[in-house]
Amino acid sequence: MVTFQKTTGEKTECLLCPHNCIISEGKSGICGVRRNTGGKIDLRTYGVLSACSLDPVEKKPLYHYFPGYNILSAGSFGCNMRCDFCQNYHISQTGSDPDFSRSLTSPEDLVQKAQKASRNIGLAFTYNEPVIWFEYMKDAAVLAKSYGLHTAMVSNGYVNSGPLSEIIKFIDAFNIDLKAFNDVFYKKMTGANIEPVKNSLKMIALAGRHLEITTLVIPGLNDSEDEMRKESEWISSELGKNIPLHLSRYFPAYKRNNPVTPDETLVRLYEIASGVLDYVYIGNTGSVSGQDTSCPECGTIVTKRSGYNTKILNLDKQGKCTGCGNLIYKNYIISSS
């Protein structure tokens, strides 16, 4: 297996993400889970699950990937970003030397669970940052695909191009957090920078993998009309105007206490993005606006959503709009229920 590391003397450089941590023996990198154990970096969380749940694919969120079905979702611990607004900080921000002593789940056990799950299309790696879980994710994903299951990954996209080229081989669908569209936000709020994330998005789109993007809208930090216009135009020109964009409502969490994102802010940014992109959605809110999918060619509503309940309308067996024949969902199965 390609390990994405380089050893010089008593220190080993991790080449998995753009931090390129140079780690002394017995120490871990920024993510807290990749440790120098004597001339090599080992994954401390191989088989260690923080959560495993059968979720609607819409919860990832993946609105255009087998809508109406479930996906078995698994996560571990740690992250290579330091977002002070993290919604899953209890598993992602684990500190420098957390205790990972717990029962282990083999890739075989995880895939077997996925095979038995109801209305399940595959495996999703989510909850914390899957990139840092590379070895386990690869083993489980490759095995899952050998049984005809689909694979998905919910990620911050902060990964070097070499490892991402490998990940693209065994992950079918991605939802990438584009946390803002300015590097000042990334450096100050996440401890990272935006260019590697933009590069990841371009690589995934160029490879033809299913891609959706989520931006958590935080009042006063990344909610300006100008920034949303620039983000939408970049997505359209560099990735494609048919890439779904999810604008997610922020709630105070971890170290950040900004007020909850107002509905009117989400609607305003939704309208700006919708002027550029074919598919824009509002998430993490009880509002009914910004949930449904309409055909961008003729305006016919093809999917209605309420929470995670999905009702398919006006689509043929190929996922095309019955009003005009436009292809809406490339990955689609007509529900039998």
C-alpha atoms as a PDB file:
ATOM      1  CA  MET A   1       0.000   0.000   0.000  1.00  0.00           C
ATOM      2  CA  VAL A   2       1.161   3.546  -0.761  1.00  0.00           C
ATOM      3  CA  THR A   3       1.767   5.144   2.654  1.00  0.00           C
ATOM      4  CA  PHE A   4       2.369   8.822   1.781  1.00  0.00           C
ATOM      5  CA  GLN A   5       5.244   9.402   4.179  1.00  0.00           C
ATOM      6  CA  LYS A   6       8.963  10.143   4.069  1.00  0.00           C
ATOM      7  CA  THR A   7      11.477   9.383   6.820  1.00  0.00           C
ATOM      8  CA  THR A   8      14.654  11.382   7.473  1.00  0.00           C
ATOM      9  CA  GLY A   9      16.630  10.409  10.544  1.00  0.00           C
ATOM     10  CA  GLU A  10      14.346  10.214  13.578  1.00  0.00           C
ATOM     11  CA  LYS A  11      11.581  12.275  11.996  1.00  0.00           C
ATOM     12  CA  THR A  12       8.939  11.246   9.500  1.00  0.00           C
ATOM     13  CA  GLU A  13       7.001  13.601   7.242  1.00  0.00           C
ATOM     14  CA  CYS A  14       3.340  12.808   6.663  1.00  0.00           C
ATOM     15  CA  LEU A  15       2.425  13.537   3.040  1.00  0.00           C
ATOM     16  CA  LEU A  16      -1.293  12.835   3.329  1.00  0.00           C
ATOM     17  CA  CYS A  17      -2.535  16.416   3.718  1.00  0.00           C
ATOM     18  CA  PRO A  18      -1.046  19.863   2.984  1.00  0.00           C
ATOM     19  CA  HIS A  19       0.108  20.341   6.584  1.00  0.00           C
ATOM     20  CA  ASN A  20       2.924  17.910   5.726  1.00  0.00           C
ATOM     21  CA  CYS A  21       3.560  17.356   9.438  1.00  0.00           C
ATOM     22  CA  ILE A  22       7.154  16.442  10.340  1.00  0.00           C
ATOM     23  CA  ILE A  23       6.646  14.100  13.274  1.00  0.00           C
ATOM     24  CA  SER A  24       9.208  12.990  15.855  1.00  0.00           C
ATOM     25  CA  GLU A  25       9.185   9.428  17.155  1.00  0.00           C
ATOM     26  CA  GLY A  26       6.346   8.848  19.613  1.00  0.00           C
ATOM     27  CA  LYS A  27       4.486  11.986  18.527  1.00  0.00           C
ATOM     28  CA  SER A  28       1.383  12.526  16.388  1.00  0.00           C
ATOM     29  CA  GLY A  29       0.580  15.028  13.675  1.00  0.00           C
ATOM     30  CA  ILE A  30      -1.974  17.845  13.785  1.00  0.00           C
ATOM     31  CA  CYS A  31      -4.812  15.366  13.226  1.00  0.00           C
ATOM     32  CA  GLY A  32      -3.915  13.494  16.421  1.00  0.00           C
ATOM     33  CA  VAL A  33      -4.333  10.041  14.881  1.00  0.00           C
ATOM     34  CA  ARG A  34      -1.228   9.541  12.715  1.00  0.00           C
ATOM     35  CA  ARG A  35       1.811   8.747  14.887  1.00  0.00           C
ATOM     36  CA  ASN A  36       5.505   8.166  14.279  1.00  0.00           C
ATOM     37  CA  THR A  37       6.079   4.737  15.792  1.00  0.00           C
ATOM     38  CA  GLY A  38       9.732   4.442  14.882  1.00  0.00           C
ATOM     39  CA  GLY A  39      10.635   5.362  11.331  1.00  0.00           C
ATOM     40  CA  LYS A  40       7.085   5.110  10.032  1.00  0.00           C
ATOM     41  CA  ILE A  41       3.673   6.668  10.542  1.00  0.00           C
ATOM     42  CA  ASP A  42       0.899   4.412  11.800  1.00  0.00           C
ATOM     43  CA  LEU A  43      -2.831   5.092  11.897  1.00  0.00           C
ATOM     44  CA  ARG A  44      -3.914   4.890  15.542  1.00  0.00           C
ATOM     45  CA  THR A  45      -7.604   4.664  14.686  1.00  0.00           C
ATOM     46  CA  TYR A  46      -7.646   1.754  12.238  1.00  0.00           C
ATOM     47  CA  GLY A  47     -10.978   0.064  12.980  1.00  0.00           C
ATOM     48  CA  VAL A  48     -11.878   2.566  15.712  1.00  0.00           C
ATOM     49  CA  LEU A  49     -15.409   3.875  15.153  1.00  0.00           C
ATOM     50  CA  SER A  50     -16.908   6.869  16.926  1.00  0.00           C
ATOM     51  CA  ALA A  51     -20.271   6.300  15.249  1.00  0.00           C
ATOM     52  CA  CYS A  52     -21.971   4.014  12.754  1.00  0.00           C
ATOM     53  CA  SER A  53     -25.515   4.705  11.620  1.00  0.00           C
ATOM     54  CA  LEU A  54     -27.862   4.039   8.723  1.00  0.00           C
ATOM     55  CA  ASP A  55     -28.750   7.503   7.402  1.00  0.00           C
ATOM     56  CA  PRO A  56     -30.739   8.859   4.472  1.00  0.00           C
ATOM     57  CA  VAL A  57     -28.297   9.878   1.738  1.00  0.00           C
ATOM     58  CA  GLU A  58     -29.884  13.323   1.944  1.00  0.00           C
ATOM     59  CA  LYS A  59     -28.387  13.718   5.436  1.00  0.00           C
ATOM     60  CA  LYS A  60     -24.773  13.720   4.129  1.00  0.00           C
ATOM     61  CA  PRO A  61     -26.021  15.908   2.329  1.00  0.00           C
ATOM     62  CA  LEU A  62     -26.171  14.174  -1.059  1.00  0.00           C
ATOM     63  CA  TYR A  63     -29.387  15.243  -2.788  1.00  0.00           C
ATOM     64  CA  HIS A  64     -28.494  13.976  -6.269  1.00  0.00           C
ATOM     65  CA  TYR A  65     -27.053  10.572  -5.364  1.00  0.00           C
ATOM     66  CA  PHE A  66     -29.647   7.786  -5.209  1.00  0.00           C
ATOM     67  CA  PRO A  67     -32.288  10.083  -3.671  1.00  0.00           C
ATOM     68  CA  GLY A  68     -34.684   8.422  -1.251  1.00  0.00           C
ATOM     69  CA  TYR A  69     -32.264   5.666  -0.238  1.00  0.00           C
ATOM     70  CA  ASN A  70     -30.046   5.059   2.798  1.00  0.00           C
ATOM     71  CA  ILE A  71     -26.297   4.789   3.245  1.00  0.00           C
ATOM     72  CA  LEU A  72     -24.452   3.212   6.162  1.00  0.00           C
ATOM     73  CA  SER A  73     -22.347   6.000   7.628  1.00  0.00           C
ATOM     74  CA  ALA A  74     -19.220   5.461   9.699  1.00  0.00           C
ATOM     75  CA  GLY A  75     -16.724   7.799  11.332  1.00  0.00           C
ATOM     76  CA  SER A  76     -13.789   7.797  13.695  1.00  0.00           C
ATOM     77  CA  PHE A  77     -11.855  10.517  15.564  1.00  0.00           C
ATOM     78  CA  GLY A  78      -9.624  13.459  14.708  1.00  0.00           C
ATOM     79  CA  CYS A  79      -9.370  16.124  12.024  1.00  0.00           C
ATOM     80  CA  ASN A  80      -6.676  18.004  10.114  1.00  0.00           C
ATOM     81  CA  MET A  81      -8.469  21.339  10.579  1.00  0.00           C
ATOM     82  CA  ARG A  82      -9.056  23.335  13.761  1.00  0.00           C
ATOM     83  CA  CYS A  83     -12.420  24.991  13.110  1.00  0.00           C
ATOM     84  CA  ASP A  84     -13.592  26.761  16.260  1.00  0.00           C
ATOM     85  CA  PHE A  85     -17.185  26.367  15.029  1.00  0.00           C
ATOM     86  CA  CYS A  86     -16.984  22.575  14.564  1.00  0.00           C
ATOM     87  CA  GLN A  87     -20.354  20.860  14.922  1.00  0.00           C
ATOM     88  CA  ASN A  88     -18.731  17.489  15.746  1.00  0.00           C
ATOM     89  CA  TYR A  89     -15.911  18.798  17.940  1.00  0.00           C
ATOM     90  CA  HIS A  90     -16.367  16.029  20.540  1.00  0.00           C
ATOM     91  CA  ILE A  91     -14.982  13.495  18.043  1.00  0.00           C
ATOM     92  CA  SER A  92     -12.920  15.677  15.696  1.00  0.00           C
ATOM     93  CA  GLN A  93     -11.030  17.866  18.175  1.00  0.00           C
ATOM     94  CA  THR A  94      -9.622  15.085  20.322  1.00  0.00           C
ATOM     95  CA  GLY A  95      -6.380  16.711  21.447  1.00  0.00           C
ATOM     96  CA  SER A  96      -2.804  15.559  20.977  1.00  0.00           C
ATOM     97  CA  ASP A  97      -2.895  12.207  22.783  1.00  0.00           C
ATOM     98  CA  PRO A  98      -6.456  10.864  23.124  1.00  0.00           C
ATOM     99  CA  ASP A  99      -7.310   7.384  24.359  1.00  0.00           C
ATOM    100  CA  PHE A 100      -8.454   5.194  21.464  1.00  0.00           C
ATOM    101  CA  SER A 101      -8.673   1.959  23.446  1.00  0.00           C
ATOM    102  CA  ARG A 102     -12.015   0.474  22.445  1.00  0.00           C
ATOM    103  CA  SER A 103     -13.392  -2.431  20.452  1.00  0.00           C
ATOM    104  CA  LEU A 104     -12.384  -2.500  16.808  1.00  0.00           C
ATOM    105  CA  THR A 105     -14.555  -2.950  13.710  1.00  0.00           C
ATOM    106  CA  SER A 106     -12.871  -4.711  10.821  1.00  0.00           C
ATOM    107  CA  PRO A 107     -13.579  -3.655   7.227  1.00  0.00           C
ATOM    108  CA  GLU A 108     -15.233  -7.065   6.759  1.00  0.00           C
ATOM    109  CA  ASP A 109     -17.600  -6.464   9.686  1.00  0.00           C
ATOM    110  CA  LEU A 110     -18.481  -2.975   8.456  1.00  0.00           C
ATOM    111  CA  VAL A 111     -19.212  -4.159   4.911  1.00  0.00           C
ATOM    112  CA  GLN A 112     -21.255  -7.067   6.207  1.00  0.00           C
ATOM    113  CA  LYS A 113     -23.355  -4.617   8.209  1.00  0.00           C
ATOM    114  CA  ALA A 114     -23.817  -2.487   5.092  1.00  0.00           C
ATOM    115  CA  GLN A 115     -24.984  -5.505   3.088  1.00  0.00           C
ATOM    116  CA  LYS A 116     -27.672  -6.275   5.658  1.00  0.00           C
ATOM    117  CA  ALA A 117     -28.957  -2.701   6.070  1.00  0.00           C
ATOM    118  CA  SER A 118     -32.389  -1.749   4.735  1.00  0.00           C
ATOM    119  CA  ARG A 119     -32.596   0.163   1.441  1.00  0.00           C
ATOM    120  CA  ASN A 120     -28.852   0.752   1.652  1.00  0.00           C
ATOM    121  CA  ILE A 121     -26.795   1.734  -1.364  1.00  0.00           C
ATOM    122  CA  GLY A 122     -23.396   1.514   0.298  1.00  0.00           C
ATOM    123  CA  LEU A 123     -20.911   3.044   2.736  1.00  0.00           C
ATOM    124  CA  ALA A 124     -20.255   6.690   3.641  1.00  0.00           C
ATOM    125  CA  PHE A 125     -17.206   7.869   5.542  1.00  0.00           C
ATOM    126  CA  THR A 126     -18.248  10.909   7.544  1.00  0.00           C
ATOM    127  CA  TYR A 127     -18.740  12.499  11.023  1.00  0.00           C
ATOM    128  CA  ASN A 128     -15.025  13.327  11.432  1.00  0.00           C
ATOM    129  CA  GLU A 129     -12.474  13.904   8.650  1.00  0.00           C
ATOM    130  CA  PRO A 130     -12.122  10.712   6.554  1.00  0.00           C
ATOM    131  CA  VAL A 131      -8.866  11.768   4.844  1.00  0.00           C
ATOM    132  CA  ILE A 132      -6.861  11.073   8.012  1.00  0.00           C
ATOM    133  CA  TRP A 133      -8.496   7.606   8.196  1.00  0.00           C
ATOM    134  CA  PHE A 134      -7.056   6.772   4.780  1.00  0.00           C
ATOM    135  CA  GLU A 135      -5.895   3.170   5.307  1.00  0.00           C
ATOM    136  CA  TYR A 136      -9.092   1.953   6.958  1.00  0.00           C
ATOM    137  CA  MET A 137     -11.306   3.878   4.552  1.00  0.00           C
ATOM    138  CA  LYS A 138      -9.505   2.368   1.562  1.00  0.00           C
ATOM    139  CA  ASP A 139      -9.715  -1.198   2.858  1.00  0.00           C
ATOM    140  CA  ALA A 140     -13.426  -0.897   3.684  1.00  0.00           C
ATOM    141  CA  ALA A 141     -14.315   0.953   0.466  1.00  0.00           C
ATOM    142  CA  VAL A 142     -12.488  -1.437  -1.854  1.00  0.00           C
ATOM    143  CA  LEU A 143     -14.164  -4.391  -0.143  1.00  0.00           C
ATOM    144  CA  ALA A 144     -17.581  -2.707  -0.308  1.00  0.00           C
ATOM    145  CA  LYS A 145     -17.213  -2.035  -4.026  1.00  0.00           C
ATOM    146  CA  SER A 146     -16.262  -5.670  -4.636  1.00  0.00           C
ATOM    147  CA  TYR A 147     -19.750  -6.554  -3.365  1.00  0.00           C
ATOM    148  CA  GLY A 148     -21.451  -3.991  -5.615  1.00  0.00           C
ATOM    149  CA  LEU A 149     -21.940  -1.328  -2.940  1.00  0.00           C
ATOM    150  CA  HIS A 150     -21.387   2.383  -3.591  1.00  0.00           C
ATOM    151  CA  THR A 151     -19.040   4.539  -1.539  1.00  0.00           C
ATOM    152  CA  ALA A 152     -19.218   8.159  -0.409  1.00  0.00           C
ATOM    153  CA  MET A 153     -17.066  10.540   1.569  1.00  0.00           C
ATOM    154  CA  VAL A 154     -17.952  13.742   3.448  1.00  0.00           C
ATOM    155  CA  SER A 155     -14.752  15.751   3.765  1.00  0.00           C
ATOM    156  CA  ASN A 156     -13.154  19.157   4.211  1.00  0.00           C
ATOM    157  CA  GLY A 157     -11.153  18.433   1.053  1.00  0.00           C
ATOM    158  CA  TYR A 158      -7.832  19.322   2.693  1.00  0.00           C
ATOM    159  CA  VAL A 159      -5.729  16.578   1.115  1.00  0.00           C
ATOM    160  CA  ASN A 160      -2.667  16.428  -1.101  1.00  0.00           C
ATOM    161  CA  SER A 161      -3.203  15.594  -4.756  1.00  0.00           C
ATOM    162  CA  GLY A 162      -1.356  12.250  -4.606  1.00  0.00           C
ATOM    163  CA  PRO A 163      -3.533  10.726  -1.883  1.00  0.00           C
ATOM    164  CA  LEU A 164      -6.649  12.235  -3.460  1.00  0.00           C
ATOM    165  CA  SER A 165      -5.807  10.511  -6.756  1.00  0.00           C
ATOM    166  CA  GLU A 166      -5.906   7.228  -4.833  1.00  0.00           C
ATOM    167  CA  ILE A 167      -9.108   8.125  -2.972  1.00  0.00           C
ATOM    168  CA  ILE A 168     -10.870   8.949  -6.232  1.00  0.00           C
ATOM    169  CA  LYS A 169     -10.277   5.350  -7.318  1.00  0.00           C
ATOM    170  CA  PHE A 170     -12.374   3.892  -4.487  1.00  0.00           C
ATOM    171  CA  ILE A 171     -14.846   6.650  -3.555  1.00  0.00           C
ATOM    172  CA  ASP A 172     -17.814   7.209  -5.874  1.00  0.00           C
ATOM    173  CA  ALA A 173     -19.446  10.304  -4.361  1.00  0.00           C
ATOM    174  CA  PHE A 174     -18.125  13.301  -2.443  1.00  0.00           C
ATOM    175  CA  ASN A 175     -19.619  16.101  -0.415  1.00  0.00           C
ATOM    176  CA  ILE A 176     -16.871  18.639   0.218  1.00  0.00           C
ATOM    177  CA  ASP A 177     -17.108  21.478   2.726  1.00  0.00           C
ATOM    178  CA  LEU A 178     -16.149  24.730   1.076  1.00  0.00           C
ATOM    179  CA  LYS A 179     -16.085  26.599   4.360  1.00  0.00           C
ATOM    180  CA  ALA A 180     -15.787  30.081   2.861  1.00  0.00           C
ATOM    181  CA  PHE A 181     -14.482  31.653  -0.292  1.00  0.00           C
ATOM    182  CA  ASN A 182     -11.614  33.661   1.142  1.00  0.00           C
ATOM    183  CA  ASP A 183      -8.235  32.550   2.427  1.00  0.00           C
ATOM    184  CA  VAL A 184      -8.299  34.879   5.438  1.00  0.00           C
ATOM    185  CA  PHE A 185     -11.245  32.900   6.827  1.00  0.00           C
ATOM    186  CA  TYR A 186      -9.475  29.586   6.204  1.00  0.00           C
ATOM    187  CA  LYS A 187      -6.208  30.623   7.856  1.00  0.00           C
ATOM    188  CA  LYS A 188      -7.863  32.268  10.863  1.00  0.00           C
ATOM    189  CA  MET A 189     -10.814  29.947  11.440  1.00  0.00           C
ATOM    190  CA  THR A 190      -9.572  26.524  10.299  1.00  0.00           C
ATOM    191  CA  GLY A 191      -5.776  26.569  10.564  1.00  0.00           C
ATOM    192  CA  ALA A 192      -5.570  25.656   6.889  1.00  0.00           C
ATOM    193  CA  ASN A 193      -5.819  27.478   3.561  1.00  0.00           C
ATOM    194  CA  ILE A 194      -8.270  27.418   0.702  1.00  0.00           C
ATOM    195  CA  GLU A 195      -6.172  26.580  -2.370  1.00  0.00           C
ATOM    196  CA  PRO A 196      -5.737  22.844  -1.621  1.00  0.00           C
ATOM    197  CA  VAL A 197      -9.504  22.582  -1.117  1.00  0.00           C
ATOM    198  CA  LYS A 198     -10.179  24.261  -4.455  1.00  0.00           C
ATOM    199  CA  ASN A 199      -7.661  21.930  -6.078  1.00  0.00           C
ATOM    200  CA  SER A 200      -9.430  18.907  -4.550  1.00  0.00           C
ATOM    201  CA  LEU A 201     -12.767  20.077  -5.904  1.00  0.00           C
ATOM    202  CA  LYS A 202     -11.321  20.469  -9.396  1.00  0.00           C
ATOM    203  CA  MET A 203      -9.698  17.027  -9.277  1.00  0.00           C
ATOM    204  CA  ILE A 204     -12.922  15.328  -8.176  1.00  0.00           C
ATOM    205  CA  ALA A 205     -14.977  17.087 -10.843  1.00  0.00           C
ATOM    206  CA  LEU A 206     -12.411  16.349 -13.562  1.00  0.00           C
ATOM    207  CA  ALA A 207     -12.412  12.663 -12.578  1.00  0.00           C
ATOM    208  CA  GLY A 208     -16.173  12.514 -13.155  1.00  0.00           C
ATOM    209  CA  ARG A 209     -17.013  11.499  -9.599  1.00  0.00           C
ATOM    210  CA  HIS A 210     -20.301  12.615  -8.117  1.00  0.00           C
ATOM    211  CA  LEU A 211     -19.703  15.913  -6.308  1.00  0.00           C
ATOM    212  CA  GLU A 212     -21.790  18.135  -4.060  1.00  0.00           C
ATOM    213  CA  ILE A 213     -20.582  21.088  -1.980  1.00  0.00           C
ATOM    214  CA  THR A 214     -21.636  22.424   1.421  1.00  0.00           C
ATOM    215  CA  THR A 215     -20.991  25.889   2.837  1.00  0.00           C
ATOM    216  CA  LEU A 216     -21.890  26.522   6.473  1.00  0.00           C
ATOM    217  CA  VAL A 217     -23.045  30.143   6.565  1.00  0.00           C
ATOM    218  CA  ILE A 218     -21.780  31.917   9.707  1.00  0.00           C
ATOM    219  CA  PRO A 219     -23.117  35.430  10.381  1.00  0.00           C
ATOM    220  CA  GLY A 220     -20.440  38.096  10.109  1.00  0.00           C
ATOM    221  CA  LEU A 221     -17.766  35.708   8.833  1.00  0.00           C
ATOM    222  CA  ASN A 222     -18.676  34.307   5.404  1.00  0.00           C
ATOM    223  CA  ASP A 223     -22.193  35.585   4.701  1.00  0.00           C
ATOM    224  CA  SER A 224     -21.560  38.529   2.394  1.00  0.00           C
ATOM    225  CA  GLU A 225     -23.363  38.744  -0.928  1.00  0.00           C
ATOM    226  CA  ASP A 226     -20.098  39.461  -2.745  1.00  0.00           C
ATOM    227  CA  GLU A 227     -18.421  36.333  -1.359  1.00  0.00           C
ATOM    228  CA  MET A 228     -21.374  34.116  -2.268  1.00  0.00           C
ATOM    229  CA  ARG A 229     -21.415  35.557  -5.781  1.00  0.00           C
ATOM    230  CA  LYS A 230     -17.704  34.846  -6.208  1.00  0.00           C
ATOM    231  CA  GLU A 231     -18.068  31.319  -4.806  1.00  0.00           C
ATOM    232  CA  SER A 232     -20.986  30.491  -7.087  1.00  0.00           C
ATOM    233  CA  GLU A 233     -19.266  31.875 -10.164  1.00  0.00           C
ATOM    234  CA  TRP A 234     -16.113  29.887  -9.374  1.00  0.00           C
ATOM    235  CA  ILE A 235     -18.089  26.662  -8.935  1.00  0.00           C
ATOM    236  CA  SER A 236     -19.896  27.281 -12.219  1.00  0.00           C
ATOM    237  CA  SER A 237     -16.788  28.092 -14.245  1.00  0.00           C
ATOM    238  CA  GLU A 238     -14.332  25.589 -12.710  1.00  0.00           C
ATOM    239  CA  LEU A 239     -16.561  22.645 -11.741  1.00  0.00           C
ATOM    240  CA  GLY A 240     -19.845  22.999 -13.617  1.00  0.00           C
ATOM    241  CA  LYS A 241     -23.088  24.855 -13.030  1.00  0.00           C
ATOM    242  CA  ASN A 242     -24.867  21.558 -12.333  1.00  0.00           C
ATOM    243  CA  ILE A 243     -22.836  20.882  -9.143  1.00  0.00           C
ATOM    244  CA  PRO A 244     -25.285  21.010  -6.194  1.00  0.00           C
ATOM    245  CA  LEU A 245     -24.469  23.622  -3.538  1.00  0.00           C
ATOM    246  CA  HIS A 246     -25.881  23.269  -0.013  1.00  0.00           C
ATOM    247  CA  LEU A 247     -26.055  26.402   2.137  1.00  0.00           C
ATOM    248  CA  SER A 248     -26.231  25.166   5.706  1.00  0.00           C
ATOM    249  CA  ARG A 249     -27.495  27.052   8.736  1.00  0.00           C
ATOM    250  CA  TYR A 250     -24.968  27.626  11.514  1.00  0.00           C
ATOM    251  CA  PHE A 251     -25.717  27.097  15.206  1.00  0.00           C
ATOM    252  CA  PRO A 252     -23.299  28.111  18.002  1.00  0.00           C
ATOM    253  CA  ALA A 253     -20.970  25.218  18.781  1.00  0.00           C
ATOM    254  CA  TYR A 254     -17.575  24.479  20.296  1.00  0.00           C
ATOM    255  CA  LYS A 255     -15.765  27.812  20.778  1.00  0.00           C
ATOM    256  CA  ARG A 256     -17.878  30.038  18.523  1.00  0.00           C
ATOM    257  CA  ASN A 257     -20.921  31.943  19.750  1.00  0.00           C
ATOM    258  CA  ASN A 258     -22.024  33.949  16.726  1.00  0.00           C
ATOM    259  CA  PRO A 259     -25.826  34.142  16.492  1.00  0.00           C
ATOM    260  CA  VAL A 260     -27.755  31.506  14.560  1.00  0.00           C
ATOM    261  CA  THR A 261     -27.866  32.214  10.831  1.00  0.00           C
ATOM    262  CA  PRO A 262     -31.096  34.140  10.102  1.00  0.00           C
ATOM    263  CA  ASP A 263     -33.513  32.649   7.583  1.00  0.00           C
ATOM    264  CA  GLU A 264     -33.393  35.836   5.543  1.00  0.00           C
ATOM    265  CA  THR A 265     -29.609  35.538   5.169  1.00  0.00           C
ATOM    266  CA  LEU A 266     -29.891  31.995   3.856  1.00  0.00           C
ATOM    267  CA  VAL A 267     -32.645  32.977   1.431  1.00  0.00           C
ATOM    268  CA  ARG A 268     -30.667  35.987   0.196  1.00  0.00           C
ATOM    269  CA  LEU A 269     -27.552  33.904  -0.478  1.00  0.00           C
ATOM    270  CA  TYR A 270     -29.679  31.123  -1.976  1.00  0.00           C
ATOM    271  CA  GLU A 271     -31.132  33.575  -4.494  1.00  0.00           C
ATOM    272  CA  ILE A 272     -27.670  34.860  -5.442  1.00  0.00           C
ATOM    273  CA  ALA A 273     -26.261  31.355  -5.926  1.00  0.00           C
ATOM    274  CA  SER A 274     -29.374  30.215  -7.800  1.00  0.00           C
ATOM    275  CA  GLY A 275     -28.772  32.947 -10.343  1.00  0.00           C
ATOM    276  CA  VAL A 276     -25.544  31.165 -11.312  1.00  0.00           C
ATOM    277  CA  LEU A 277     -25.956  27.481 -10.402  1.00  0.00           C
ATOM    278  CA  ASP A 278     -28.641  24.978 -11.420  1.00  0.00           C
ATOM    279  CA  TYR A 279     -29.083  23.336  -8.019  1.00  0.00           C
ATOM    280  CA  VAL A 280     -28.871  25.246  -4.740  1.00  0.00           C
ATOM    281  CA  TYR A 281     -30.333  24.055  -1.429  1.00  0.00           C
ATOM    282  CA  ILE A 282     -30.845  25.420   2.073  1.00  0.00           C
ATOM    283  CA  GLY A 283     -30.032  22.978   4.868  1.00  0.00           C
ATOM    284  CA  ASN A 284     -30.099  22.563   8.640  1.00  0.00           C
ATOM    285  CA  THR A 285     -33.290  24.586   8.951  1.00  0.00           C
ATOM    286  CA  GLY A 286     -36.988  23.947   9.342  1.00  0.00           C
ATOM    287  CA  SER A 287     -37.804  26.215   6.408  1.00  0.00           C
ATOM    288  CA  VAL A 288     -39.590  24.647   3.447  1.00  0.00           C
ATOM    289  CA  SER A 289     -37.857  26.957   0.957  1.00  0.00           C
ATOM    290  CA  GLY A 290     -34.734  25.797  -0.822  1.00  0.00           C
ATOM    291  CA  GLN A 291     -35.454  22.086  -0.385  1.00  0.00           C
ATOM    292  CA  ASP A 292     -36.996  20.908  -3.650  1.00  0.00           C
ATOM    293  CA  THR A 293     -35.275  20.055  -6.923  1.00  0.00           C
ATOM    294  CA  SER A 294     -36.632  21.629 -10.094  1.00  0.00           C
ATOM    295  CA  CYS A 295     -35.517  20.922 -13.632  1.00  0.00           C
ATOM    296  CA  PRO A 296     -33.244  23.826 -14.651  1.00  0.00           C
ATOM    297  CA  GLU A 297     -34.449  23.546 -18.258  1.00  0.00           C
ATOM    298  CA  CYS A 298     -38.226  23.626 -17.899  1.00  0.00           C
ATOM    299  CA  GLY A 299     -38.877  24.343 -14.207  1.00  0.00           C
ATOM    300  CA  THR A 300     -40.789  21.116 -13.495  1.00  0.00           C
ATOM    301  CA  ILE A 301     -40.472  20.026  -9.848  1.00  0.00           C
ATOM    302  CA  VAL A 302     -38.828  16.584  -9.861  1.00  0.00           C
ATOM    303  CA  THR A 303     -38.222  16.069  -6.140  1.00  0.00           C
ATOM    304  CA  LYS A 304     -40.009  17.424  -3.084  1.00  0.00           C
ATOM    305  CA  ARG A 305     -38.320  17.245   0.317  1.00  0.00           C
ATOM    306  CA  SER A 306     -39.467  17.752   3.877  1.00  0.00           C
ATOM    307  CA  GLY A 307     -36.636  17.153   6.295  1.00  0.00           C
ATOM    308  CA  TYR A 308     -35.150  13.859   5.128  1.00  0.00           C
ATOM    309  CA  ASN A 309     -38.386  12.658   3.569  1.00  0.00           C
ATOM    310  CA  THR A 310     -38.034  12.582  -0.199  1.00  0.00           C
ATOM    311  CA  LYS A 311     -40.787  12.318  -2.792  1.00  0.00           C
ATOM    312  CA  ILE A 312     -39.737  11.738  -6.393  1.00  0.00           C
ATOM    313  CA  LEU A 313     -41.951  13.382  -9.046  1.00  0.00           C
ATOM    314  CA  ASN A 314     -41.880  13.664 -12.829  1.00  0.00           C
ATOM    315  CA  LEU A 315     -38.815  11.504 -13.458  1.00  0.00           C
ATOM    316  CA  ASP A 316     -38.462   8.556 -15.829  1.00  0.00           C
ATOM    317  CA  LYS A 317     -36.447   5.390 -15.155  1.00  0.00           C
ATOM    318  CA  GLN A 318     -33.214   7.050 -16.275  1.00  0.00           C
ATOM    319  CA  GLY A 319     -33.588   9.973 -13.873  1.00  0.00           C
ATOM    320  CA  LYS A 320     -34.666  12.365 -16.634  1.00  0.00           C
ATOM    321  CA  CYS A 321     -37.315  15.069 -16.330  1.00  0.00           C
ATOM    322  CA  THR A 322     -40.571  13.869 -17.921  1.00  0.00           C
ATOM    323  CA  GLY A 323     -41.329  17.446 -18.887  1.00  0.00           C
ATOM    324  CA  CYS A 324     -38.385  17.997 -21.212  1.00  0.00           C
ATOM    325  CA  GLY A 325     -36.079  14.962 -21.053  1.00  0.00           C
ATOM    326  CA  ASN A 326     -33.271  16.766 -19.216  1.00  0.00           C
ATOM    327  CA  LEU A 327     -31.076  14.421 -17.126  1.00  0.00           C
ATOM    328  CA  ILE A 328     -31.400  15.337 -13.442  1.00  0.00           C
ATOM    329  CA  TYR A 329     -29.898  12.367 -11.545  1.00  0.00           C
ATOM    330  CA  LYS A 330     -27.163  10.198 -13.059  1.00  0.00           C
ATOM    331  CA  ASN A 331     -27.272   7.935  -9.995  1.00  0.00           C
ATOM    332  CA  TYR A 332     -30.907   6.986  -9.583  1.00  0.00           C
ATOM    333  CA  ILE A 333     -33.082   3.974  -8.746  1.00  0.00           C
ATOM    334  CA  ILE A 334     -36.855   4.094  -8.887  1.00  0.00           C
ATOM    335  CA  SER A 335     -38.112   3.331  -5.385  1.00  0.00           C
ATOM    336  CA  SER A 336     -40.074   0.123  -4.962  1.00  0.00           C
ATOM    337  CA  SER A 337     -41.979   1.523  -1.978  1.00  0.00           C
END
